[in-house]
Amino acid sequence: MLPSKPYHHILFARNSSQTSKCITCAVVGNGGILNNSRMGKEIDSHDYVFRVSGAVIKGYEKDVGTRTSFYGFTAFSLMTSVMILGNRGFKKIPAGKEIKYLHFLEGARDYEWLKALLLNINVRKGFLDYYGTCSDFIVFLYYLLKSPFITHPRFLKSKTLEKPYWRIYRPTTGAFLLLTALHLCDQVSAYGYITEGYQKYSDHYYDKERKRLIFYSNHDFNLERNVWKQLHDANIMNLYQRT
């Protein structure tokens, strides 16, 4: 059902006279490590800024910046973010002509939603009713990236896959976003991702009261923390660690 399109570049240097320069990207997670970090100016200085799920900006500009070039989501993460974070200033997804939307297909609900968007039809009755309707979130610059790690949501081989409840495991939406940026950009800096010493910070930078990060079985935060540190130590990306 996807219309065929010729190959084209997604990213360009912001200054058209310097198209040969390295393209820099900031990938902004929602981790509490960003609260009072004053990283906003640095984040906005990149050519492109990637954000994910409940990307609350209002009131936190000094910590997380103001620009959004790419917004990554799954059907579930988008709906729950709007539902839960409405009173925190995240009443709708980021909007603007310059923003591109990255839909990560992690489960059946994403494919059903995608089909509804392509055919301009309603999703089946009862599908995500609790979180709103698909028509509330129609977007106009919409990308499905063809990459092995996106089409295979268990690309991070967690030991959870050896457990009886292996079917519920998947990488975080933030992991999808960060690894997408690493495929697209020349230089990547990650902010608000889990690091060593995460216990010192609240779960999210926008938490009004301190909340402990809970390791639910559907994600493997320890695995992702180790992967980000390995990529940082190998100079493949820069991981903000607030040291």
Foldseek 3Di string as FASTA:
>chain_A
DDDDDDDDAPDAQPDPVPRVDFAEEEEEEFAQVLAVVQCLVVRVVGRAYEYEQLPDCVPSNSRNHDDHQEYEYEPVSNLVSCVPCVVLRPPHDDDDPRHAYEYQYDDPLRVQLVVCLVVVHWRDPPRCVVRPTSVVHDDDRYDYDDDVCRVPQCPLPDPLCVPPPNVLAGEDSSVVRQVVCLVRGPAYEYHNADEPVSQVGAGGNSDPDRHGDDDDSRYDNVSVRVVVVVCCVVVSYHYDDPD
